[in-house]
Amino acid sequence: MSARCPLRARLLLAVLFAAAACSRSVDVKQALEVADASSGYFDAGIVNGKNKIVPSVTFRLKKKADADLAGIALNVVFRHPAPAGTTVEEHWEDVYIQRADFKGGANETEPLTVRAETGYTGDPPQSRLDMLQNSQFRDLRAHIFAKYRSAQWVEIGSVDVQRQLIVR
């Protein structure tokens, strides 16, 4: 019976070491960066007889060469920037991406385009360009949050949505 106890102890240690190796945490904020970002307002066509534009951001994720990351979950939060004298941004919309992959061992993703469903509408003959110049128009900022496995969401970057039309 004494020969079995050291064997069990060794097996238990092996299992514990294997579990620790598999659950190695990754500092997503240090491992990733938002790159090649562009933004604007996408022409969403005519909705209920009105011209519609929606905020759109396109970017890549780049990871450090030594970062052990596969697929990343993303949450892109569109908010109105805080007015002068305050720090509170007004929420607009969240867009969730279940998995952004680094394909074929690459250290960056393909370009990711994220568009909100909520947008601005204008009655014809108001053009989409006129909507961007309207005095009631409010700018937006896209905050990009990432999550790997069971870790907490971490903001990895933000992109100001430019007042320009995107047609594709």
N, C-alpha and C. Protein backbone atom coordinates (compact mmCIF):
# COMPACT_ATOMS: atom_id res chain seq x y z
N MET A 1 0.81 -1.19 0.00
CA MET A 1 0.00 0.00 0.00
C MET A 1 0.86 1.26 0.00
N SER A 2 2.02 1.22 0.58
CA SER A 2 2.88 2.40 0.61
C SER A 2 3.40 2.75 -0.77
N ALA A 3 3.53 1.80 -1.68
CA ALA A 3 3.98 2.08 -3.04
C ALA A 3 2.91 2.83 -3.82
N ARG A 4 1.63 2.63 -3.50
CA ARG A 4 0.54 3.29 -4.22
C ARG A 4 0.42 4.76 -3.82
N CYS A 5 0.68 5.11 -2.58
CA CYS A 5 0.53 6.50 -2.12
C CYS A 5 1.48 7.45 -2.85
N PRO A 6 2.78 7.12 -2.99
CA PRO A 6 3.64 8.03 -3.74
C PRO A 6 3.19 8.15 -5.20
N LEU A 7 2.68 7.07 -5.77
CA LEU A 7 2.21 7.12 -7.14
C LEU A 7 1.00 8.06 -7.24
N ARG A 8 0.08 7.95 -6.30
CA ARG A 8 -1.08 8.84 -6.29
C ARG A 8 -0.66 10.29 -6.09
N ALA A 9 0.29 10.51 -5.21
CA ALA A 9 0.77 11.87 -4.96
C ALA A 9 1.40 12.45 -6.23
N ARG A 10 2.18 11.63 -6.94
CA ARG A 10 2.80 12.09 -8.19
C ARG A 10 1.74 12.42 -9.23
N LEU A 11 0.73 11.57 -9.35
CA LEU A 11 -0.35 11.82 -10.31
C LEU A 11 -1.11 13.10 -9.96
N LEU A 12 -1.37 13.29 -8.68
CA LEU A 12 -2.06 14.48 -8.25
C LEU A 12 -1.25 15.74 -8.57
N LEU A 13 0.05 15.69 -8.31
CA LEU A 13 0.92 16.83 -8.64
C LEU A 13 0.94 17.09 -10.14
N ALA A 14 1.00 16.04 -10.93
CA ALA A 14 1.01 16.19 -12.39
C ALA A 14 -0.27 16.85 -12.88
N VAL A 15 -1.40 16.43 -12.33
CA VAL A 15 -2.69 17.02 -12.71
C VAL A 15 -2.73 18.49 -12.30
N LEU A 16 -2.26 18.82 -11.11
CA LEU A 16 -2.27 20.21 -10.65
C LEU A 16 -1.38 21.10 -11.52
N PHE A 17 -0.21 20.61 -11.87
CA PHE A 17 0.69 21.39 -12.74
C PHE A 17 0.08 21.57 -14.13
N ALA A 18 -0.54 20.54 -14.65
CA ALA A 18 -1.18 20.65 -15.97
C ALA A 18 -2.32 21.66 -15.93
N ALA A 19 -3.11 21.64 -14.88
CA ALA A 19 -4.22 22.59 -14.74
C ALA A 19 -3.69 24.02 -14.63
N ALA A 20 -2.63 24.21 -13.89
CA ALA A 20 -2.04 25.55 -13.74
C ALA A 20 -1.50 26.05 -15.07
N ALA A 21 -0.91 25.17 -15.86
CA ALA A 21 -0.37 25.57 -17.16
C ALA A 21 -1.49 25.95 -18.12
N CYS A 22 -2.61 25.25 -18.07
CA CYS A 22 -3.73 25.53 -18.97
C CYS A 22 -4.45 26.82 -18.60
N SER A 23 -4.45 27.21 -17.36
CA SER A 23 -5.21 28.38 -16.94
C SER A 23 -4.33 29.61 -16.80
N ARG A 24 -3.20 29.63 -17.47
CA ARG A 24 -2.30 30.78 -17.41
C ARG A 24 -3.04 32.02 -17.89
N SER A 25 -3.03 33.06 -17.09
CA SER A 25 -3.77 34.26 -17.46
C SER A 25 -2.93 35.12 -18.41
N VAL A 26 -3.63 35.88 -19.23
CA VAL A 26 -3.01 36.77 -20.19
C VAL A 26 -3.49 38.18 -19.91
N ASP A 27 -2.57 39.13 -19.82
CA ASP A 27 -2.94 40.53 -19.65
C ASP A 27 -3.30 41.08 -21.03
N VAL A 28 -4.60 41.08 -21.32
CA VAL A 28 -5.09 41.47 -22.64
C VAL A 28 -4.70 42.89 -22.99
N LYS A 29 -4.74 43.79 -22.03
CA LYS A 29 -4.40 45.19 -22.29
C LYS A 29 -2.94 45.33 -22.75
N GLN A 30 -2.05 44.51 -22.20
CA GLN A 30 -0.64 44.54 -22.60
C GLN A 30 -0.38 43.76 -23.88
N ALA A 31 -1.20 42.74 -24.14
CA ALA A 31 -0.95 41.84 -25.27
C ALA A 31 -1.53 42.34 -26.59
N LEU A 32 -2.54 43.23 -26.54
CA LEU A 32 -3.24 43.67 -27.75
C LEU A 32 -3.16 45.16 -27.94
N GLU A 33 -3.28 45.56 -29.21
CA GLU A 33 -3.45 46.97 -29.52
C GLU A 33 -4.38 47.11 -30.72
N VAL A 34 -5.10 48.22 -30.75
CA VAL A 34 -5.98 48.55 -31.86
C VAL A 34 -5.12 49.26 -32.90
N ALA A 35 -5.18 48.79 -34.16
CA ALA A 35 -4.34 49.37 -35.21
C ALA A 35 -5.16 49.63 -36.47
N ASP A 36 -4.63 50.47 -37.34
CA ASP A 36 -5.22 50.76 -38.65
C ASP A 36 -6.69 51.15 -38.55
N ALA A 37 -7.02 51.99 -37.59
CA ALA A 37 -8.43 52.36 -37.37
C ALA A 37 -8.89 53.44 -38.35
N SER A 38 -10.11 53.28 -38.81
CA SER A 38 -10.79 54.31 -39.61
C SER A 38 -12.25 54.32 -39.18
N SER A 39 -12.93 55.42 -39.46
CA SER A 39 -14.30 55.52 -39.00
C SER A 39 -15.08 56.51 -39.86
N GLY A 40 -16.37 56.52 -39.64
CA GLY A 40 -17.26 57.43 -40.34
C GLY A 40 -18.69 56.98 -40.14
N TYR A 41 -19.57 57.48 -41.00
CA TYR A 41 -20.98 57.12 -40.93
C TYR A 41 -21.36 56.40 -42.21
N PHE A 42 -21.89 55.19 -42.04
CA PHE A 42 -22.25 54.32 -43.15
C PHE A 42 -23.65 54.66 -43.64
N ASP A 43 -23.79 54.73 -44.95
CA ASP A 43 -25.09 54.98 -45.57
C ASP A 43 -25.92 53.70 -45.46
N ALA A 44 -26.88 53.69 -44.53
CA ALA A 44 -27.71 52.50 -44.30
C ALA A 44 -28.95 52.49 -45.18
N GLY A 45 -29.02 53.39 -46.15
CA GLY A 45 -30.14 53.39 -47.09
C GLY A 45 -31.33 54.18 -46.59
N ILE A 46 -32.49 53.82 -47.11
CA ILE A 46 -33.73 54.50 -46.74
C ILE A 46 -34.51 53.57 -45.82
N VAL A 47 -34.85 54.06 -44.64
CA VAL A 47 -35.58 53.29 -43.64
C VAL A 47 -36.84 54.08 -43.28
N ASN A 48 -37.98 53.46 -43.48
CA ASN A 48 -39.28 54.12 -43.21
C ASN A 48 -39.38 55.46 -43.93
N GLY A 49 -38.87 55.51 -45.16
CA GLY A 49 -38.97 56.72 -45.98
C GLY A 49 -37.96 57.79 -45.64
N LYS A 50 -37.01 57.50 -44.73
CA LYS A 50 -36.00 58.49 -44.33
C LYS A 50 -34.60 57.99 -44.64
N ASN A 51 -33.72 58.92 -44.99
CA ASN A 51 -32.31 58.58 -45.16
C ASN A 51 -31.73 58.22 -43.80
N LYS A 52 -30.89 57.17 -43.76
CA LYS A 52 -30.32 56.75 -42.48
C LYS A 52 -28.81 56.57 -42.60
N ILE A 53 -28.08 57.08 -41.60
CA ILE A 53 -26.65 56.83 -41.49
C ILE A 53 -26.38 56.25 -40.09
N VAL A 54 -25.40 55.33 -40.01
CA VAL A 54 -25.04 54.70 -38.73
C VAL A 54 -23.54 54.82 -38.52
N PRO A 55 -23.10 54.93 -37.25
CA PRO A 55 -21.66 54.99 -36.99
C PRO A 55 -20.98 53.68 -37.33
N SER A 56 -19.77 53.78 -37.86
CA SER A 56 -19.02 52.61 -38.30
C SER A 56 -17.54 52.80 -37.98
N VAL A 57 -16.91 51.77 -37.42
CA VAL A 57 -15.46 51.77 -37.20
C VAL A 57 -14.87 50.50 -37.79
N THR A 58 -13.70 50.63 -38.36
CA THR A 58 -12.95 49.49 -38.90
C THR A 58 -11.56 49.54 -38.30
N PHE A 59 -11.08 48.38 -37.84
CA PHE A 59 -9.76 48.32 -37.21
C PHE A 59 -9.24 46.88 -37.27
N ARG A 60 -7.98 46.74 -36.96
CA ARG A 60 -7.35 45.44 -36.77
C ARG A 60 -6.91 45.34 -35.32
N LEU A 61 -6.82 44.12 -34.83
CA LEU A 61 -6.18 43.87 -33.54
C LEU A 61 -4.80 43.32 -33.82
N LYS A 62 -3.79 43.88 -33.18
CA LYS A 62 -2.44 43.34 -33.28
C LYS A 62 -2.05 42.81 -31.91
N LYS A 63 -1.44 41.64 -31.91
CA LYS A 63 -0.99 41.08 -30.64
C LYS A 63 0.53 41.01 -30.64
N LYS A 64 1.09 41.11 -29.46
CA LYS A 64 2.53 40.98 -29.31
C LYS A 64 2.93 39.56 -29.69
N ALA A 65 4.12 39.42 -30.23
CA ALA A 65 4.57 38.12 -30.73
C ALA A 65 4.55 37.03 -29.67
N ASP A 66 4.84 37.39 -28.43
CA ASP A 66 4.89 36.38 -27.37
C ASP A 66 3.54 36.16 -26.68
N ALA A 67 2.50 36.86 -27.13
CA ALA A 67 1.17 36.72 -26.50
C ALA A 67 0.51 35.42 -26.96
N ASP A 68 0.08 34.63 -26.00
CA ASP A 68 -0.55 33.35 -26.28
C ASP A 68 -2.07 33.55 -26.29
N LEU A 69 -2.57 34.11 -27.41
CA LEU A 69 -3.99 34.39 -27.56
C LEU A 69 -4.51 33.74 -28.83
N ALA A 70 -5.72 33.24 -28.78
CA ALA A 70 -6.36 32.70 -29.98
C ALA A 70 -7.49 33.66 -30.33
N GLY A 71 -8.72 33.28 -30.08
CA GLY A 71 -9.86 34.15 -30.37
C GLY A 71 -10.15 35.08 -29.21
N ILE A 72 -10.54 36.30 -29.53
CA ILE A 72 -10.83 37.34 -28.55
C ILE A 72 -12.28 37.76 -28.72
N ALA A 73 -13.00 37.91 -27.61
CA ALA A 73 -14.34 38.48 -27.64
C ALA A 73 -14.21 39.99 -27.55
N LEU A 74 -15.05 40.70 -28.30
CA LEU A 74 -15.01 42.16 -28.31
C LEU A 74 -16.38 42.74 -27.99
N ASN A 75 -16.37 43.87 -27.33
CA ASN A 75 -17.58 44.66 -27.11
C ASN A 75 -17.22 46.08 -27.49
N VAL A 76 -17.84 46.58 -28.55
CA VAL A 76 -17.59 47.95 -29.00
C VAL A 76 -18.75 48.80 -28.50
N VAL A 77 -18.42 49.77 -27.66
CA VAL A 77 -19.43 50.61 -27.01
C VAL A 77 -19.37 52.00 -27.64
N PHE A 78 -20.46 52.37 -28.30
CA PHE A 78 -20.55 53.71 -28.89
C PHE A 78 -21.14 54.65 -27.84
N ARG A 79 -20.45 55.78 -27.63
CA ARG A 79 -20.90 56.77 -26.65
C ARG A 79 -20.69 58.17 -27.22
N HIS A 80 -21.52 59.11 -26.72
CA HIS A 80 -21.28 60.51 -27.02
C HIS A 80 -20.16 60.97 -26.09
N PRO A 81 -19.13 61.65 -26.60
CA PRO A 81 -18.08 62.16 -25.71
C PRO A 81 -18.67 63.10 -24.66
N ALA A 82 -17.99 63.17 -23.54
CA ALA A 82 -18.45 64.02 -22.43
C ALA A 82 -18.42 65.49 -22.84
N PRO A 83 -19.48 66.22 -22.50
CA PRO A 83 -19.47 67.67 -22.77
C PRO A 83 -18.36 68.35 -21.97
N ALA A 84 -17.95 69.52 -22.42
CA ALA A 84 -16.90 70.27 -21.72
C ALA A 84 -17.29 70.49 -20.27
N GLY A 85 -16.35 70.26 -19.37
CA GLY A 85 -16.58 70.45 -17.95
C GLY A 85 -17.11 69.23 -17.22
N THR A 86 -17.35 68.13 -17.96
CA THR A 86 -17.82 66.89 -17.32
C THR A 86 -16.95 65.72 -17.79
N THR A 87 -17.12 64.59 -17.13
CA THR A 87 -16.39 63.39 -17.53
C THR A 87 -17.32 62.24 -17.89
N VAL A 88 -18.63 62.51 -17.88
CA VAL A 88 -19.61 61.45 -18.12
C VAL A 88 -19.98 61.41 -19.60
N GLU A 89 -19.74 60.26 -20.23
CA GLU A 89 -20.13 60.06 -21.62
C GLU A 89 -21.51 59.42 -21.66
N GLU A 90 -22.32 59.83 -22.62
CA GLU A 90 -23.68 59.30 -22.76
C GLU A 90 -23.67 58.07 -23.67
N HIS A 91 -24.26 56.99 -23.18
CA HIS A 91 -24.29 55.72 -23.91
C HIS A 91 -25.15 55.85 -25.17
N TRP A 92 -24.69 55.21 -26.27
CA TRP A 92 -25.43 55.19 -27.53
C TRP A 92 -25.85 53.76 -27.84
N GLU A 93 -24.87 52.84 -28.00
CA GLU A 93 -25.19 51.44 -28.32
C GLU A 93 -23.95 50.57 -28.13
N ASP A 94 -24.18 49.29 -27.79
CA ASP A 94 -23.12 48.28 -27.71
C ASP A 94 -23.24 47.32 -28.88
N VAL A 95 -22.10 46.92 -29.42
CA VAL A 95 -22.07 45.87 -30.45
C VAL A 95 -21.09 44.80 -29.99
N TYR A 96 -21.58 43.58 -29.88
CA TYR A 96 -20.79 42.46 -29.36
C TYR A 96 -20.29 41.59 -30.51
N ILE A 97 -19.00 41.25 -30.48
CA ILE A 97 -18.40 40.31 -31.44
C ILE A 97 -17.93 39.12 -30.63
N GLN A 98 -18.52 37.97 -30.90
CA GLN A 98 -18.24 36.79 -30.09
C GLN A 98 -16.78 36.35 -30.20
N ARG A 99 -16.20 36.41 -31.40
CA ARG A 99 -14.83 35.93 -31.55
C ARG A 99 -14.15 36.61 -32.74
N ALA A 100 -13.02 37.25 -32.45
CA ALA A 100 -12.14 37.80 -33.49
C ALA A 100 -10.89 36.94 -33.47
N ASP A 101 -10.58 36.34 -34.61
CA ASP A 101 -9.48 35.36 -34.68
C ASP A 101 -8.20 35.93 -35.29
N PHE A 102 -7.10 35.38 -34.83
CA PHE A 102 -5.79 35.60 -35.44
C PHE A 102 -5.55 34.37 -36.31
N LYS A 103 -5.81 34.46 -37.58
CA LYS A 103 -5.80 33.30 -38.48
C LYS A 103 -4.39 32.89 -38.88
N GLY A 104 -4.18 31.58 -38.96
CA GLY A 104 -2.94 31.03 -39.50
C GLY A 104 -1.69 31.46 -38.78
N GLY A 105 -1.76 31.65 -37.49
CA GLY A 105 -0.57 32.03 -36.74
C GLY A 105 -0.19 33.49 -36.90
N ALA A 106 -1.03 34.28 -37.54
CA ALA A 106 -0.73 35.70 -37.74
C ALA A 106 -0.82 36.45 -36.41
N ASN A 107 -0.13 37.57 -36.35
CA ASN A 107 -0.16 38.40 -35.14
C ASN A 107 -1.16 39.53 -35.25
N GLU A 108 -2.01 39.49 -36.29
CA GLU A 108 -3.06 40.49 -36.40
C GLU A 108 -4.30 39.87 -37.04
N THR A 109 -5.44 40.49 -36.78
CA THR A 109 -6.69 40.03 -37.35
C THR A 109 -6.87 40.64 -38.74
N GLU A 110 -7.80 40.10 -39.47
CA GLU A 110 -8.27 40.77 -40.68
C GLU A 110 -8.95 42.06 -40.22
N PRO A 111 -9.20 43.01 -41.12
CA PRO A 111 -9.93 44.21 -40.69
C PRO A 111 -11.31 43.84 -40.14
N LEU A 112 -11.66 44.43 -39.03
CA LEU A 112 -12.96 44.20 -38.38
C LEU A 112 -13.79 45.47 -38.54
N THR A 113 -14.98 45.35 -39.11
CA THR A 113 -15.87 46.50 -39.25
C THR A 113 -17.05 46.31 -38.32
N VAL A 114 -17.30 47.32 -37.51
CA VAL A 114 -18.38 47.28 -36.53
C VAL A 114 -19.29 48.48 -36.79
N ARG A 115 -20.58 48.18 -36.96
CA ARG A 115 -21.57 49.23 -37.21
C ARG A 115 -22.70 49.12 -36.20
N ALA A 116 -23.11 50.25 -35.67
CA ALA A 116 -24.25 50.28 -34.77
C ALA A 116 -25.53 50.14 -35.58
N GLU A 117 -26.57 49.65 -34.97
CA GLU A 117 -27.90 49.60 -35.60
C GLU A 117 -28.58 50.96 -35.48
N THR A 118 -28.37 51.61 -34.35
CA THR A 118 -28.97 52.92 -34.10
C THR A 118 -28.19 53.95 -34.91
N GLY A 119 -28.92 54.86 -35.54
CA GLY A 119 -28.26 55.88 -36.33
C GLY A 119 -29.06 57.16 -36.37
N TYR A 120 -28.71 58.00 -37.31
CA TYR A 120 -29.42 59.26 -37.53
C TYR A 120 -30.26 59.13 -38.79
N THR A 121 -31.45 59.74 -38.76
CA THR A 121 -32.31 59.74 -39.94
C THR A 121 -32.67 61.17 -40.30
N GLY A 122 -32.95 61.36 -41.57
CA GLY A 122 -33.36 62.67 -42.05
C GLY A 122 -34.37 62.53 -43.17
N ASP A 123 -35.36 63.43 -43.16
CA ASP A 123 -36.39 63.43 -44.21
C ASP A 123 -35.81 64.00 -45.49
N PRO A 124 -36.11 63.33 -46.64
CA PRO A 124 -35.71 63.94 -47.90
C PRO A 124 -36.39 65.30 -48.03
N PRO A 125 -35.79 66.29 -48.57
CA PRO A 125 -34.59 66.25 -49.41
C PRO A 125 -33.28 66.39 -48.64
N GLN A 126 -33.32 66.30 -47.30
CA GLN A 126 -32.07 66.39 -46.53
C GLN A 126 -31.16 65.23 -46.91
N SER A 127 -29.97 65.55 -47.39
CA SER A 127 -29.03 64.50 -47.81
C SER A 127 -28.30 63.95 -46.59
N ARG A 128 -27.61 62.86 -46.79
CA ARG A 128 -26.82 62.27 -45.71
C ARG A 128 -25.70 63.22 -45.27
N LEU A 129 -25.11 63.91 -46.22
CA LEU A 129 -24.07 64.89 -45.89
C LEU A 129 -24.66 66.05 -45.09
N ASP A 130 -25.88 66.47 -45.42
CA ASP A 130 -26.55 67.52 -44.65
C ASP A 130 -26.76 67.08 -43.21
N MET A 131 -27.06 65.78 -43.00
CA MET A 131 -27.28 65.28 -41.63
C MET A 131 -26.02 65.46 -40.80
N LEU A 132 -24.85 65.21 -41.39
CA LEU A 132 -23.59 65.35 -40.65
C LEU A 132 -23.32 66.80 -40.25
N GLN A 133 -23.89 67.73 -41.00
CA GLN A 133 -23.66 69.15 -40.74
C GLN A 133 -24.79 69.80 -39.93
N ASN A 134 -25.82 69.02 -39.58
CA ASN A 134 -26.96 69.53 -38.83
C ASN A 134 -26.53 69.99 -37.44
N SER A 135 -27.13 71.06 -36.95
CA SER A 135 -26.76 71.60 -35.64
C SER A 135 -27.14 70.65 -34.49
N GLN A 136 -28.07 69.73 -34.73
CA GLN A 136 -28.48 68.77 -33.71
C GLN A 136 -27.61 67.51 -33.71
N PHE A 137 -26.72 67.39 -34.68
CA PHE A 137 -25.86 66.20 -34.79
C PHE A 137 -24.87 66.18 -33.63
N ARG A 138 -24.70 65.00 -33.01
CA ARG A 138 -23.74 64.84 -31.90
C ARG A 138 -22.71 63.77 -32.27
N ASP A 139 -21.45 64.08 -32.00
CA ASP A 139 -20.38 63.15 -32.32
C ASP A 139 -20.43 61.91 -31.43
N LEU A 140 -19.74 60.85 -31.90
CA LEU A 140 -19.66 59.59 -31.17
C LEU A 140 -18.22 59.13 -31.06
N ARG A 141 -17.97 58.32 -30.06
CA ARG A 141 -16.67 57.67 -29.86
C ARG A 141 -16.95 56.18 -29.64
N ALA A 142 -16.14 55.34 -30.25
CA ALA A 142 -16.27 53.89 -30.07
C ALA A 142 -15.18 53.42 -29.10
N HIS A 143 -15.59 52.86 -27.97
CA HIS A 143 -14.66 52.28 -27.00
C HIS A 143 -14.60 50.78 -27.27
N ILE A 144 -13.40 50.25 -27.41
CA ILE A 144 -13.23 48.84 -27.76
C ILE A 144 -12.74 48.07 -26.53
N PHE A 145 -13.57 47.13 -26.09
CA PHE A 145 -13.27 46.29 -24.94
C PHE A 145 -12.99 44.87 -25.44
N ALA A 146 -12.02 44.19 -24.81
CA ALA A 146 -11.67 42.82 -25.19
C ALA A 146 -11.73 41.92 -23.97
N LYS A 147 -11.96 40.65 -24.26
CA LYS A 147 -12.03 39.65 -23.19
C LYS A 147 -11.46 38.35 -23.75
N TYR A 148 -10.62 37.70 -22.96
CA TYR A 148 -10.06 36.41 -23.34
C TYR A 148 -10.43 35.39 -22.30
N ARG A 149 -11.08 34.34 -22.75
CA ARG A 149 -11.57 33.27 -21.86
C ARG A 149 -12.45 33.85 -20.77
N SER A 150 -12.15 33.55 -19.52
CA SER A 150 -13.03 33.97 -18.42
C SER A 150 -12.55 35.25 -17.73
N ALA A 151 -11.59 35.94 -18.32
CA ALA A 151 -11.08 37.19 -17.72
C ALA A 151 -12.14 38.29 -17.81
N GLN A 152 -11.91 39.38 -17.13
CA GLN A 152 -12.81 40.54 -17.15
C GLN A 152 -12.62 41.33 -18.44
N TRP A 153 -13.63 42.11 -18.82
CA TRP A 153 -13.53 43.00 -19.97
C TRP A 153 -12.52 44.09 -19.67
N VAL A 154 -11.69 44.41 -20.68
CA VAL A 154 -10.66 45.45 -20.54
C VAL A 154 -10.72 46.35 -21.76
N GLU A 155 -10.71 47.65 -21.53
CA GLU A 155 -10.69 48.58 -22.67
C GLU A 155 -9.29 48.59 -23.28
N ILE A 156 -9.23 48.33 -24.58
CA ILE A 156 -7.94 48.29 -25.27
C ILE A 156 -7.74 49.45 -26.23
N GLY A 157 -8.77 50.27 -26.41
CA GLY A 157 -8.62 51.43 -27.27
C GLY A 157 -9.94 52.12 -27.52
N SER A 158 -9.86 53.28 -28.16
CA SER A 158 -11.07 54.00 -28.56
C SER A 158 -10.80 54.71 -29.88
N VAL A 159 -11.88 54.94 -30.60
CA VAL A 159 -11.79 55.59 -31.92
C VAL A 159 -12.89 56.64 -31.99
N ASP A 160 -12.53 57.88 -32.29
CA ASP A 160 -13.53 58.91 -32.53
C ASP A 160 -14.13 58.67 -33.91
N VAL A 161 -15.47 58.66 -33.99
CA VAL A 161 -16.14 58.45 -35.27
C VAL A 161 -16.10 59.77 -36.03
N GLN A 162 -15.44 59.74 -37.18
CA GLN A 162 -15.25 60.95 -37.98
C GLN A 162 -16.54 61.33 -38.70
N ARG A 163 -16.74 62.62 -38.89
CA ARG A 163 -17.92 63.11 -39.62
C ARG A 163 -17.65 63.02 -41.11
N GLN A 164 -17.70 61.81 -41.61
CA GLN A 164 -17.53 61.56 -43.04
C GLN A 164 -18.42 60.39 -43.42
N LEU A 165 -18.85 60.38 -44.67
CA LEU A 165 -19.71 59.29 -45.15
C LEU A 165 -18.86 58.14 -45.65
N ILE A 166 -19.33 56.93 -45.35
CA ILE A 166 -18.72 55.70 -45.85
C ILE A 166 -19.76 55.03 -46.74
N VAL A 167 -19.39 54.71 -47.95
CA VAL A 167 -20.38 54.14 -48.86
C VAL A 167 -20.30 52.63 -49.01
N ARG A 168 -19.25 52.02 -48.49
CA ARG A 168 -19.18 50.54 -48.56
C ARG A 168 -18.65 49.98 -47.29
